[in-house]
Amino acid sequence: MTADANTRDIAIIGAGLIGTAWAALFAHHGFRVRLWDPHAAALDKAVGHIPGLLAQLAQITEAKGGAERITRCDRLDDAVAGATLIQENAPENIPLKHALLAEIEEAMAVEAIIASSTSALTWSELAPGLREPARLITAHPFNPPHLVQLVELFGADDARLDRAEAIYRAADRMPVRLRKDATGHIANRLASALWREAVFMVQEGIADVEAIDAALVNGPGLRWSVLGAHMAYHLGGGAQGMAGYLAHLGPSQERRWAALGAPVLSPEVCAALIEGVETAAGGRSIAELEQDRDAALIALLRARAMKD
């Protein structure tokens, strides 16, 4: 399935960090975007930030549109009416989201899709905000969403999920579906498990923050950029693949699992984490660190594009 001319209208609800990135991404890929936020200052900030995001996207793929594809809306119903996909990016607050979803439902087209960018809340928690819950899917991006291609989907209506996948693929995203509603979706569960052990190693004095991050970036992180966890162990089993790995190294893996810890974010551990990242940052500001991250992601995405 492909996204055709009838699927080109996107409403972006919420003009914070995530919503602004979604707006730039969809505009870059030629969609018509209507951007709304209840706060005029947030819209002002988003409009000022979007050209920089579009410039980043232009380094990766040819632009099919730009800022002219984005319309600022002062009314929610103006943004939502006629949109095929309504990407909601409100704060992670269930009552707030329920109220917003109810407003969206009043103004949306019957067959439209409401896609919540929620990272912590589940579909089951959000669906009671709608008269017809099947209209809702969760569509969790990974930050920064205009550069990281993952979008994690869950919903009750397979037809809407199919249409949403087509739209996201037309915006050069990589959608994956959950088979079961789950807190943290897929990627945040994996990331949380890894960070739990990283914090535990700081707590236990096994290594400092900088060493742990360097080990991750220059070891498994490098491999994970081209292979998932399961496939990496499949190759680790040699000619017999996963079966060989489990037969020969399964007990070793279980010993490692047994040694993993459950850290406590005590004042002492928090202080060590804060001091550690400040040392690793080497005086660079958050903005400078974001620029370095984005430049590296762009280089990686360009390298992938050349490989393909």
C-alpha atoms as a PDB file:
ATOM      1  CA  MET A   1       0.000   0.000   0.000  1.00  0.00           C
ATOM      2  CA  THR A   2       1.244   3.480  -0.816  1.00  0.00           C
ATOM      3  CA  ALA A   3       0.191   6.902   0.400  1.00  0.00           C
ATOM      4  CA  ASP A   4      -1.664   8.565  -2.486  1.00  0.00           C
ATOM      5  CA  ALA A   5      -3.032  12.045  -3.087  1.00  0.00           C
ATOM      6  CA  ASN A   6      -5.957  11.362  -0.775  1.00  0.00           C
ATOM      7  CA  THR A   7      -3.693  10.800   2.213  1.00  0.00           C
ATOM      8  CA  ARG A   8      -1.619  13.953   2.020  1.00  0.00           C
ATOM      9  CA  ASP A   9      -3.274  16.063   4.726  1.00  0.00           C
ATOM     10  CA  ILE A  10      -1.691  15.750   8.153  1.00  0.00           C
ATOM     11  CA  ALA A  11      -2.753  17.517  11.352  1.00  0.00           C
ATOM     12  CA  ILE A  12      -0.053  17.987  13.968  1.00  0.00           C
ATOM     13  CA  ILE A  13      -1.584  18.603  17.388  1.00  0.00           C
ATOM     14  CA  GLY A  14       0.955  20.039  19.817  1.00  0.00           C
ATOM     15  CA  ALA A  15       3.923  22.135  18.707  1.00  0.00           C
ATOM     16  CA  GLY A  16       6.534  21.051  21.215  1.00  0.00           C
ATOM     17  CA  LEU A  17       9.784  19.256  20.391  1.00  0.00           C
ATOM     18  CA  ILE A  18       8.077  16.153  18.968  1.00  0.00           C
ATOM     19  CA  GLY A  19       5.248  17.907  17.145  1.00  0.00           C
ATOM     20  CA  THR A  20       7.610  20.380  15.500  1.00  0.00           C
ATOM     21  CA  ALA A  21       9.801  17.545  14.244  1.00  0.00           C
ATOM     22  CA  TRP A  22       6.765  15.685  12.866  1.00  0.00           C
ATOM     23  CA  ALA A  23       5.615  18.844  11.061  1.00  0.00           C
ATOM     24  CA  ALA A  24       9.011  19.341   9.400  1.00  0.00           C
ATOM     25  CA  LEU A  25       9.265  15.674   8.456  1.00  0.00           C
ATOM     26  CA  PHE A  26       5.867  15.468   6.781  1.00  0.00           C
ATOM     27  CA  ALA A  27       6.344  18.798   4.974  1.00  0.00           C
ATOM     28  CA  HIS A  28       9.753  17.674   3.692  1.00  0.00           C
ATOM     29  CA  HIS A  29       8.109  14.610   2.165  1.00  0.00           C
ATOM     30  CA  GLY A  30       5.431  16.658   0.428  1.00  0.00           C
ATOM     31  CA  PHE A  31       2.503  16.303   2.792  1.00  0.00           C
ATOM     32  CA  ARG A  32       0.188  19.217   3.540  1.00  0.00           C
ATOM     33  CA  VAL A  33       0.583  19.934   7.245  1.00  0.00           C
ATOM     34  CA  ARG A  34      -1.669  21.890   9.595  1.00  0.00           C
ATOM     35  CA  LEU A  35      -0.010  22.693  12.918  1.00  0.00           C
ATOM     36  CA  TRP A  36      -1.942  23.598  16.077  1.00  0.00           C
ATOM     37  CA  ASP A  37      -1.067  24.228  19.702  1.00  0.00           C
ATOM     38  CA  PRO A  38      -3.171  25.826  22.452  1.00  0.00           C
ATOM     39  CA  HIS A  39      -0.305  28.232  23.183  1.00  0.00           C
ATOM     40  CA  ALA A  40       0.565  30.865  20.581  1.00  0.00           C
ATOM     41  CA  ALA A  41       4.112  31.106  21.948  1.00  0.00           C
ATOM     42  CA  ALA A  42       4.663  27.409  21.235  1.00  0.00           C
ATOM     43  CA  LEU A  43       3.531  27.921  17.649  1.00  0.00           C
ATOM     44  CA  ASP A  44       5.853  30.913  17.297  1.00  0.00           C
ATOM     45  CA  LYS A  45       8.774  28.842  18.561  1.00  0.00           C
ATOM     46  CA  ALA A  46       7.911  25.934  16.285  1.00  0.00           C
ATOM     47  CA  VAL A  47       7.694  28.134  13.202  1.00  0.00           C
ATOM     48  CA  GLY A  48      11.123  29.539  13.999  1.00  0.00           C
ATOM     49  CA  HIS A  49      12.619  26.094  14.560  1.00  0.00           C
ATOM     50  CA  ILE A  50      11.224  24.323  11.487  1.00  0.00           C
ATOM     51  CA  PRO A  51      13.632  25.783   8.844  1.00  0.00           C
ATOM     52  CA  GLY A  52      16.597  24.286  10.680  1.00  0.00           C
ATOM     53  CA  LEU A  53      14.941  20.858  10.799  1.00  0.00           C
ATOM     54  CA  LEU A  54      14.101  21.065   7.101  1.00  0.00           C
ATOM     55  CA  ALA A  55      17.731  21.898   6.355  1.00  0.00           C
ATOM     56  CA  GLN A  56      18.810  18.773   8.229  1.00  0.00           C
ATOM     57  CA  LEU A  57      16.311  16.629   6.331  1.00  0.00           C
ATOM     58  CA  ALA A  58      17.538  18.032   3.013  1.00  0.00           C
ATOM     59  CA  GLN A  59      20.969  16.552   3.796  1.00  0.00           C
ATOM     60  CA  ILE A  60      19.417  13.068   3.854  1.00  0.00           C
ATOM     61  CA  THR A  61      16.743  12.946   1.150  1.00  0.00           C
ATOM     62  CA  GLU A  62      15.572  15.218  -1.632  1.00  0.00           C
ATOM     63  CA  ALA A  63      12.915  17.660  -0.436  1.00  0.00           C
ATOM     64  CA  LYS A  64       9.421  17.274  -1.853  1.00  0.00           C
ATOM     65  CA  GLY A  65       8.228  20.304   0.069  1.00  0.00           C
ATOM     66  CA  GLY A  66       9.235  22.846   2.651  1.00  0.00           C
ATOM     67  CA  ALA A  67       7.883  25.357   5.129  1.00  0.00           C
ATOM     68  CA  GLU A  68       5.292  26.472   2.577  1.00  0.00           C
ATOM     69  CA  ARG A  69       3.555  23.110   3.122  1.00  0.00           C
ATOM     70  CA  ILE A  70       2.886  23.963   6.777  1.00  0.00           C
ATOM     71  CA  THR A  71      -0.149  26.005   7.798  1.00  0.00           C
ATOM     72  CA  ARG A  72      -0.325  27.443  11.287  1.00  0.00           C
ATOM     73  CA  CYS A  73      -3.799  26.997  12.782  1.00  0.00           C
ATOM     74  CA  ASP A  74      -5.251  28.971  15.662  1.00  0.00           C
ATOM     75  CA  ARG A  75      -8.242  26.632  16.070  1.00  0.00           C
ATOM     76  CA  LEU A  76      -8.102  22.902  16.728  1.00  0.00           C
ATOM     77  CA  ASP A  77     -11.027  22.116  14.418  1.00  0.00           C
ATOM     78  CA  ASP A  78      -9.339  23.984  11.540  1.00  0.00           C
ATOM     79  CA  ALA A  79      -6.279  21.747  11.922  1.00  0.00           C
ATOM     80  CA  VAL A  80      -8.209  18.495  12.254  1.00  0.00           C
ATOM     81  CA  ALA A  81     -10.995  18.883   9.693  1.00  0.00           C
ATOM     82  CA  GLY A  82     -10.232  16.853   6.560  1.00  0.00           C
ATOM     83  CA  ALA A  83      -6.928  15.453   7.829  1.00  0.00           C
ATOM     84  CA  THR A  84      -6.211  11.811   7.051  1.00  0.00           C
ATOM     85  CA  LEU A  85      -3.729  11.415   9.912  1.00  0.00           C
ATOM     86  CA  ILE A  86      -3.943  13.421  13.146  1.00  0.00           C
ATOM     87  CA  GLN A  87      -0.624  13.171  14.984  1.00  0.00           C
ATOM     88  CA  GLU A  88      -1.288  14.071  18.630  1.00  0.00           C
ATOM     89  CA  ASN A  89       1.675  15.187  20.763  1.00  0.00           C
ATOM     90  CA  ALA A  90       0.163  16.409  24.026  1.00  0.00           C
ATOM     91  CA  PRO A  91       1.945  15.984  27.393  1.00  0.00           C
ATOM     92  CA  GLU A  92       1.838  12.551  29.055  1.00  0.00           C
ATOM     93  CA  ASN A  93      -1.235  13.288  31.152  1.00  0.00           C
ATOM     94  CA  ILE A  94      -4.227  10.941  30.832  1.00  0.00           C
ATOM     95  CA  PRO A  95      -7.045  13.375  31.745  1.00  0.00           C
ATOM     96  CA  LEU A  96      -5.548  16.034  29.472  1.00  0.00           C
ATOM     97  CA  LYS A  97      -5.218  13.589  26.591  1.00  0.00           C
ATOM     98  CA  HIS A  98      -8.753  12.250  27.107  1.00  0.00           C
ATOM     99  CA  ALA A  99     -10.164  15.765  26.896  1.00  0.00           C
ATOM    100  CA  LEU A 100      -8.097  16.560  23.802  1.00  0.00           C
ATOM    101  CA  LEU A 101      -9.010  13.305  22.060  1.00  0.00           C
ATOM    102  CA  ALA A 102     -12.689  14.006  22.657  1.00  0.00           C
ATOM    103  CA  GLU A 103     -12.293  17.429  21.010  1.00  0.00           C
ATOM    104  CA  ILE A 104     -10.434  15.920  18.079  1.00  0.00           C
ATOM    105  CA  GLU A 105     -13.114  13.267  17.590  1.00  0.00           C
ATOM    106  CA  GLU A 106     -15.787  15.933  17.253  1.00  0.00           C
ATOM    107  CA  ALA A 107     -13.945  17.604  14.360  1.00  0.00           C
ATOM    108  CA  MET A 108     -12.237  14.720  12.555  1.00  0.00           C
ATOM    109  CA  ALA A 109     -13.291  12.942   9.366  1.00  0.00           C
ATOM    110  CA  VAL A 110     -14.986   9.600   9.995  1.00  0.00           C
ATOM    111  CA  GLU A 111     -12.195   7.506   8.473  1.00  0.00           C
ATOM    112  CA  ALA A 112      -9.312   9.573   9.827  1.00  0.00           C
ATOM    113  CA  ILE A 113      -6.638   8.131  12.092  1.00  0.00           C
ATOM    114  CA  ILE A 114      -5.701   9.656  15.443  1.00  0.00           C
ATOM    115  CA  ALA A 115      -2.087   8.724  16.154  1.00  0.00           C
ATOM    116  CA  SER A 116      -0.772   9.464  19.628  1.00  0.00           C
ATOM    117  CA  SER A 117       2.971  10.041  19.951  1.00  0.00           C
ATOM    118  CA  THR A 118       2.816   8.833  23.562  1.00  0.00           C
ATOM    119  CA  SER A 119       5.994   7.305  24.969  1.00  0.00           C
ATOM    120  CA  ALA A 120       4.777   6.221  28.412  1.00  0.00           C
ATOM    121  CA  LEU A 121       1.025   5.694  28.086  1.00  0.00           C
ATOM    122  CA  THR A 122      -0.640   2.720  26.441  1.00  0.00           C
ATOM    123  CA  TRP A 123      -3.456   2.511  23.920  1.00  0.00           C
ATOM    124  CA  SER A 124      -5.659   0.955  26.610  1.00  0.00           C
ATOM    125  CA  GLU A 125      -5.143   3.991  28.828  1.00  0.00           C
ATOM    126  CA  LEU A 126      -5.893   6.489  26.042  1.00  0.00           C
ATOM    127  CA  ALA A 127      -8.751   4.755  24.196  1.00  0.00           C
ATOM    128  CA  PRO A 128     -11.426   5.619  26.834  1.00  0.00           C
ATOM    129  CA  GLY A 129     -11.093   9.229  25.694  1.00  0.00           C
ATOM    130  CA  LEU A 130     -12.971   8.371  22.485  1.00  0.00           C
ATOM    131  CA  ARG A 131     -16.509   7.299  21.666  1.00  0.00           C
ATOM    132  CA  GLU A 132     -15.030   5.023  18.981  1.00  0.00           C
ATOM    133  CA  PRO A 133     -11.670   3.783  20.322  1.00  0.00           C
ATOM    134  CA  ALA A 134     -10.801   2.039  17.045  1.00  0.00           C
ATOM    135  CA  ARG A 135     -10.076   5.484  15.595  1.00  0.00           C
ATOM    136  CA  LEU A 136      -6.984   5.682  17.805  1.00  0.00           C
ATOM    137  CA  ILE A 137      -3.566   4.163  17.355  1.00  0.00           C
ATOM    138  CA  THR A 138      -0.413   4.773  19.338  1.00  0.00           C
ATOM    139  CA  ALA A 139       2.459   5.849  17.093  1.00  0.00           C
ATOM    140  CA  HIS A 140       5.528   6.314  19.232  1.00  0.00           C
ATOM    141  CA  PRO A 141       8.513   7.958  17.509  1.00  0.00           C
ATOM    142  CA  PHE A 142      12.075   7.925  18.798  1.00  0.00           C
ATOM    143  CA  ASN A 143      13.709  11.277  19.511  1.00  0.00           C
ATOM    144  CA  PRO A 144      14.566  13.167  17.340  1.00  0.00           C
ATOM    145  CA  PRO A 145      11.657  11.909  15.232  1.00  0.00           C
ATOM    146  CA  HIS A 146      12.638  13.721  12.040  1.00  0.00           C
ATOM    147  CA  LEU A 147      15.954  11.822  12.006  1.00  0.00           C
ATOM    148  CA  VAL A 148      15.332   8.511  13.791  1.00  0.00           C
ATOM    149  CA  GLN A 149      13.142   6.419  11.510  1.00  0.00           C
ATOM    150  CA  LEU A 150      11.391   4.165  14.026  1.00  0.00           C
ATOM    151  CA  VAL A 151       7.633   4.500  14.663  1.00  0.00           C
ATOM    152  CA  GLU A 152       6.045   1.907  16.995  1.00  0.00           C
ATOM    153  CA  LEU A 153       2.374   1.220  16.281  1.00  0.00           C
ATOM    154  CA  PHE A 154      -0.482  -0.376  18.184  1.00  0.00           C
ATOM    155  CA  GLY A 155      -4.226  -0.218  17.680  1.00  0.00           C
ATOM    156  CA  ALA A 156      -7.444  -2.180  17.462  1.00  0.00           C
ATOM    157  CA  ASP A 157      -8.265  -1.549  13.786  1.00  0.00           C
ATOM    158  CA  ASP A 158      -5.972  -3.370  11.330  1.00  0.00           C
ATOM    159  CA  ALA A 159      -7.249  -1.318   8.395  1.00  0.00           C
ATOM    160  CA  ARG A 160      -6.282   1.937  10.120  1.00  0.00           C
ATOM    161  CA  LEU A 161      -2.911   0.472  11.048  1.00  0.00           C
ATOM    162  CA  ASP A 162      -2.349  -0.496   7.414  1.00  0.00           C
ATOM    163  CA  ARG A 163      -3.177   3.038   6.257  1.00  0.00           C
ATOM    164  CA  ALA A 164      -1.011   4.584   8.954  1.00  0.00           C
ATOM    165  CA  GLU A 165       1.920   2.374   7.970  1.00  0.00           C
ATOM    166  CA  ALA A 166       1.600   3.521   4.368  1.00  0.00           C
ATOM    167  CA  ILE A 167       1.661   7.172   5.423  1.00  0.00           C
ATOM    168  CA  TYR A 168       4.680   6.729   7.682  1.00  0.00           C
ATOM    169  CA  ARG A 169       6.566   4.799   5.015  1.00  0.00           C
ATOM    170  CA  ALA A 170       5.848   7.627   2.560  1.00  0.00           C
ATOM    171  CA  ALA A 171       7.580   9.883   5.097  1.00  0.00           C
ATOM    172  CA  ASP A 172      10.612   7.544   5.118  1.00  0.00           C
ATOM    173  CA  ARG A 173       9.773   6.065   8.529  1.00  0.00           C
ATOM    174  CA  MET A 174      10.187   2.446   9.612  1.00  0.00           C
ATOM    175  CA  PRO A 175       6.922   1.400  11.311  1.00  0.00           C
ATOM    176  CA  VAL A 176       6.856  -1.693  13.524  1.00  0.00           C
ATOM    177  CA  ARG A 177       3.724  -3.151  15.112  1.00  0.00           C
ATOM    178  CA  LEU A 178       3.260  -4.418  18.625  1.00  0.00           C
ATOM    179  CA  ARG A 179       1.179  -7.574  18.908  1.00  0.00           C
ATOM    180  CA  LYS A 180       0.167  -6.622  22.437  1.00  0.00           C
ATOM    181  CA  ASP A 181      -0.358  -3.306  24.205  1.00  0.00           C
ATOM    182  CA  ALA A 182       2.671  -2.708  26.436  1.00  0.00           C
ATOM    183  CA  THR A 183       4.038   0.086  28.615  1.00  0.00           C
ATOM    184  CA  GLY A 184       7.118   1.540  26.929  1.00  0.00           C
ATOM    185  CA  HIS A 185       6.305  -0.139  23.619  1.00  0.00           C
ATOM    186  CA  ILE A 186       9.362  -2.004  22.261  1.00  0.00           C
ATOM    187  CA  ALA A 187      12.312   0.361  22.002  1.00  0.00           C
ATOM    188  CA  ASN A 188      11.824   2.146  25.322  1.00  0.00           C
ATOM    189  CA  ARG A 189      11.579  -1.192  27.108  1.00  0.00           C
ATOM    190  CA  LEU A 190      14.885  -2.228  25.553  1.00  0.00           C
ATOM    191  CA  ALA A 191      16.470   1.152  26.271  1.00  0.00           C
ATOM    192  CA  SER A 192      15.219   1.111  29.864  1.00  0.00           C
ATOM    193  CA  ALA A 193      16.615  -2.381  30.456  1.00  0.00           C
ATOM    194  CA  LEU A 194      20.010  -1.334  29.153  1.00  0.00           C
ATOM    195  CA  TRP A 195      20.102   1.908  31.134  1.00  0.00           C
ATOM    196  CA  ARG A 196      19.077   0.069  34.297  1.00  0.00           C
ATOM    197  CA  GLU A 197      22.238  -2.015  34.026  1.00  0.00           C
ATOM    198  CA  ALA A 198      24.319   1.034  33.081  1.00  0.00           C
ATOM    199  CA  VAL A 199      23.106   2.793  36.245  1.00  0.00           C
ATOM    200  CA  PHE A 200      23.725  -0.351  38.293  1.00  0.00           C
ATOM    201  CA  MET A 201      27.355  -0.425  37.117  1.00  0.00           C
ATOM    202  CA  VAL A 202      27.786   3.195  38.242  1.00  0.00           C
ATOM    203  CA  GLN A 203      26.143   2.376  41.580  1.00  0.00           C
ATOM    204  CA  GLU A 204      28.429  -0.614  42.118  1.00  0.00           C
ATOM    205  CA  GLY A 205      31.578   1.206  41.014  1.00  0.00           C
ATOM    206  CA  ILE A 206      32.209  -1.179  38.115  1.00  0.00           C
ATOM    207  CA  ALA A 207      32.926   1.720  35.749  1.00  0.00           C
ATOM    208  CA  ASP A 208      32.189   5.419  35.441  1.00  0.00           C
ATOM    209  CA  VAL A 209      29.604   7.031  33.169  1.00  0.00           C
ATOM    210  CA  GLU A 210      32.088   7.939  30.445  1.00  0.00           C
ATOM    211  CA  ALA A 211      33.572   4.438  30.253  1.00  0.00           C
ATOM    212  CA  ILE A 212      30.144   2.792  30.159  1.00  0.00           C
ATOM    213  CA  ASP A 213      28.925   5.038  27.350  1.00  0.00           C
ATOM    214  CA  ALA A 214      32.176   4.559  25.399  1.00  0.00           C
ATOM    215  CA  ALA A 215      31.849   0.786  25.724  1.00  0.00           C
ATOM    216  CA  LEU A 216      28.296   0.933  24.417  1.00  0.00           C
ATOM    217  CA  VAL A 217      28.926   3.299  21.496  1.00  0.00           C
ATOM    218  CA  ASN A 218      32.093   1.559  20.301  1.00  0.00           C
ATOM    219  CA  GLY A 219      30.936  -1.999  20.971  1.00  0.00           C
ATOM    220  CA  PRO A 220      27.372  -3.287  20.831  1.00  0.00           C
ATOM    221  CA  GLY A 221      25.927   0.094  19.827  1.00  0.00           C
ATOM    222  CA  LEU A 222      27.952   0.028  16.607  1.00  0.00           C
ATOM    223  CA  ARG A 223      26.712  -3.484  15.826  1.00  0.00           C
ATOM    224  CA  TRP A 224      23.127  -2.676  16.835  1.00  0.00           C
ATOM    225  CA  SER A 225      23.004   0.061  14.208  1.00  0.00           C
ATOM    226  CA  VAL A 226      22.963  -2.690  11.572  1.00  0.00           C
ATOM    227  CA  LEU A 227      21.747  -5.792  13.477  1.00  0.00           C
ATOM    228  CA  GLY A 228      19.085  -6.327  16.115  1.00  0.00           C
ATOM    229  CA  ALA A 229      19.793  -8.142  19.381  1.00  0.00           C
ATOM    230  CA  HIS A 230      18.370 -11.482  18.236  1.00  0.00           C
ATOM    231  CA  MET A 231      20.163 -11.446  14.878  1.00  0.00           C
ATOM    232  CA  ALA A 232      23.459 -10.492  16.529  1.00  0.00           C
ATOM    233  CA  TYR A 233      23.299 -13.601  18.710  1.00  0.00           C
ATOM    234  CA  HIS A 234      22.230 -15.667  15.691  1.00  0.00           C
ATOM    235  CA  LEU A 235      25.508 -14.699  14.027  1.00  0.00           C
ATOM    236  CA  GLY A 236      27.299 -15.289  17.334  1.00  0.00           C
ATOM    237  CA  GLY A 237      26.391 -18.959  17.042  1.00  0.00           C
ATOM    238  CA  GLY A 238      28.593 -19.486  14.001  1.00  0.00           C
ATOM    239  CA  ALA A 239      27.441 -21.811  11.240  1.00  0.00           C
ATOM    240  CA  GLN A 240      24.643 -23.203  13.406  1.00  0.00           C
ATOM    241  CA  GLY A 241      23.247 -19.766  14.165  1.00  0.00           C
ATOM    242  CA  MET A 242      20.885 -19.229  17.079  1.00  0.00           C
ATOM    243  CA  ALA A 243      20.540 -22.958  17.733  1.00  0.00           C
ATOM    244  CA  GLY A 244      24.305 -23.237  18.088  1.00  0.00           C
ATOM    245  CA  TYR A 245      24.515 -20.170  20.326  1.00  0.00           C
ATOM    246  CA  LEU A 246      21.800 -21.408  22.675  1.00  0.00           C
ATOM    247  CA  ALA A 247      23.293 -24.887  22.837  1.00  0.00           C
ATOM    248  CA  HIS A 248      26.829 -23.750  23.569  1.00  0.00           C
ATOM    249  CA  LEU A 249      26.502 -20.332  25.229  1.00  0.00           C
ATOM    250  CA  GLY A 250      22.972 -20.367  26.617  1.00  0.00           C
ATOM    251  CA  PRO A 251      24.163 -21.237  30.160  1.00  0.00           C
ATOM    252  CA  SER A 252      26.748 -18.446  29.966  1.00  0.00           C
ATOM    253  CA  GLN A 253      23.993 -16.024  28.970  1.00  0.00           C
ATOM    254  CA  GLU A 254      21.880 -17.121  31.932  1.00  0.00           C
ATOM    255  CA  ARG A 255      24.811 -16.484  34.301  1.00  0.00           C
ATOM    256  CA  ARG A 256      25.110 -12.967  32.921  1.00  0.00           C
ATOM    257  CA  TRP A 257      21.377 -12.389  33.348  1.00  0.00           C
ATOM    258  CA  ALA A 258      21.626 -13.565  36.941  1.00  0.00           C
ATOM    259  CA  ALA A 259      24.403 -11.042  37.604  1.00  0.00           C
ATOM    260  CA  LEU A 260      22.403  -8.065  36.348  1.00  0.00           C
ATOM    261  CA  GLY A 261      21.303  -5.595  38.995  1.00  0.00           C
ATOM    262  CA  ALA A 262      18.374  -3.486  40.121  1.00  0.00           C
ATOM    263  CA  PRO A 263      19.769  -0.026  40.909  1.00  0.00           C
ATOM    264  CA  VAL A 264      18.200   2.518  43.235  1.00  0.00           C
ATOM    265  CA  LEU A 265      18.176   6.181  42.206  1.00  0.00           C
ATOM    266  CA  SER A 266      19.427   7.315  45.593  1.00  0.00           C
ATOM    267  CA  PRO A 267      20.791  10.852  46.037  1.00  0.00           C
ATOM    268  CA  GLU A 268      24.310   9.417  45.811  1.00  0.00           C
ATOM    269  CA  VAL A 269      23.645   7.541  42.566  1.00  0.00           C
ATOM    270  CA  CYS A 270      21.881  10.555  41.026  1.00  0.00           C
ATOM    271  CA  ALA A 271      24.840  12.758  41.935  1.00  0.00           C
ATOM    272  CA  ALA A 272      27.239  10.290  40.335  1.00  0.00           C
ATOM    273  CA  LEU A 273      25.173  10.187  37.138  1.00  0.00           C
ATOM    274  CA  ILE A 274      24.928  13.976  36.923  1.00  0.00           C
ATOM    275  CA  GLU A 275      28.644  14.429  37.567  1.00  0.00           C
ATOM    276  CA  GLY A 276      29.434  11.682  35.070  1.00  0.00           C
ATOM    277  CA  VAL A 277      27.483  13.144  32.158  1.00  0.00           C
ATOM    278  CA  GLU A 278      28.824  16.617  32.879  1.00  0.00           C
ATOM    279  CA  THR A 279      32.357  15.247  32.729  1.00  0.00           C
ATOM    280  CA  ALA A 280      31.616  13.390  29.507  1.00  0.00           C
ATOM    281  CA  ALA A 281      30.021  16.503  27.983  1.00  0.00           C
ATOM    282  CA  GLY A 282      33.296  18.358  28.443  1.00  0.00           C
ATOM    283  CA  GLY A 283      31.658  21.753  28.823  1.00  0.00           C
ATOM    284  CA  ARG A 284      29.401  21.404  25.771  1.00  0.00           C
ATOM    285  CA  SER A 285      25.887  22.789  26.213  1.00  0.00           C
ATOM    286  CA  ILE A 286      22.732  20.755  25.620  1.00  0.00           C
ATOM    287  CA  ALA A 287      22.290  22.579  22.297  1.00  0.00           C
ATOM    288  CA  GLU A 288      25.846  21.722  21.266  1.00  0.00           C
ATOM    289  CA  LEU A 289      25.378  18.081  22.270  1.00  0.00           C
ATOM    290  CA  GLU A 290      22.161  17.940  20.238  1.00  0.00           C
ATOM    291  CA  GLN A 291      23.968  19.397  17.229  1.00  0.00           C
ATOM    292  CA  ASP A 292      26.721  16.779  17.551  1.00  0.00           C
ATOM    293  CA  ARG A 293      24.120  14.007  17.886  1.00  0.00           C
ATOM    294  CA  ASP A 294      22.128  15.213  14.879  1.00  0.00           C
ATOM    295  CA  ALA A 295      25.232  15.579  12.702  1.00  0.00           C
ATOM    296  CA  ALA A 296      26.255  12.008  13.522  1.00  0.00           C
ATOM    297  CA  LEU A 297      22.742  10.695  12.825  1.00  0.00           C
ATOM    298  CA  ILE A 298      22.643  12.514   9.485  1.00  0.00           C
ATOM    299  CA  ALA A 299      26.027  11.045   8.520  1.00  0.00           C
ATOM    300  CA  LEU A 300      24.812   7.560   9.467  1.00  0.00           C
ATOM    301  CA  LEU A 301      21.567   7.932   7.505  1.00  0.00           C
ATOM    302  CA  ARG A 302      23.470   9.184   4.446  1.00  0.00           C
ATOM    303  CA  ALA A 303      25.828   6.219   4.671  1.00  0.00           C
ATOM    304  CA  ARG A 304      22.856   3.860   4.868  1.00  0.00           C
ATOM    305  CA  ALA A 305      21.278   5.534   1.832  1.00  0.00           C
ATOM    306  CA  MET A 306      24.505   5.058  -0.172  1.00  0.00           C
ATOM    307  CA  LYS A 307      24.609   1.380   0.855  1.00  0.00           C
ATOM    308  CA  ASP A 308      21.040   0.852  -0.321  1.00  0.00           C
END
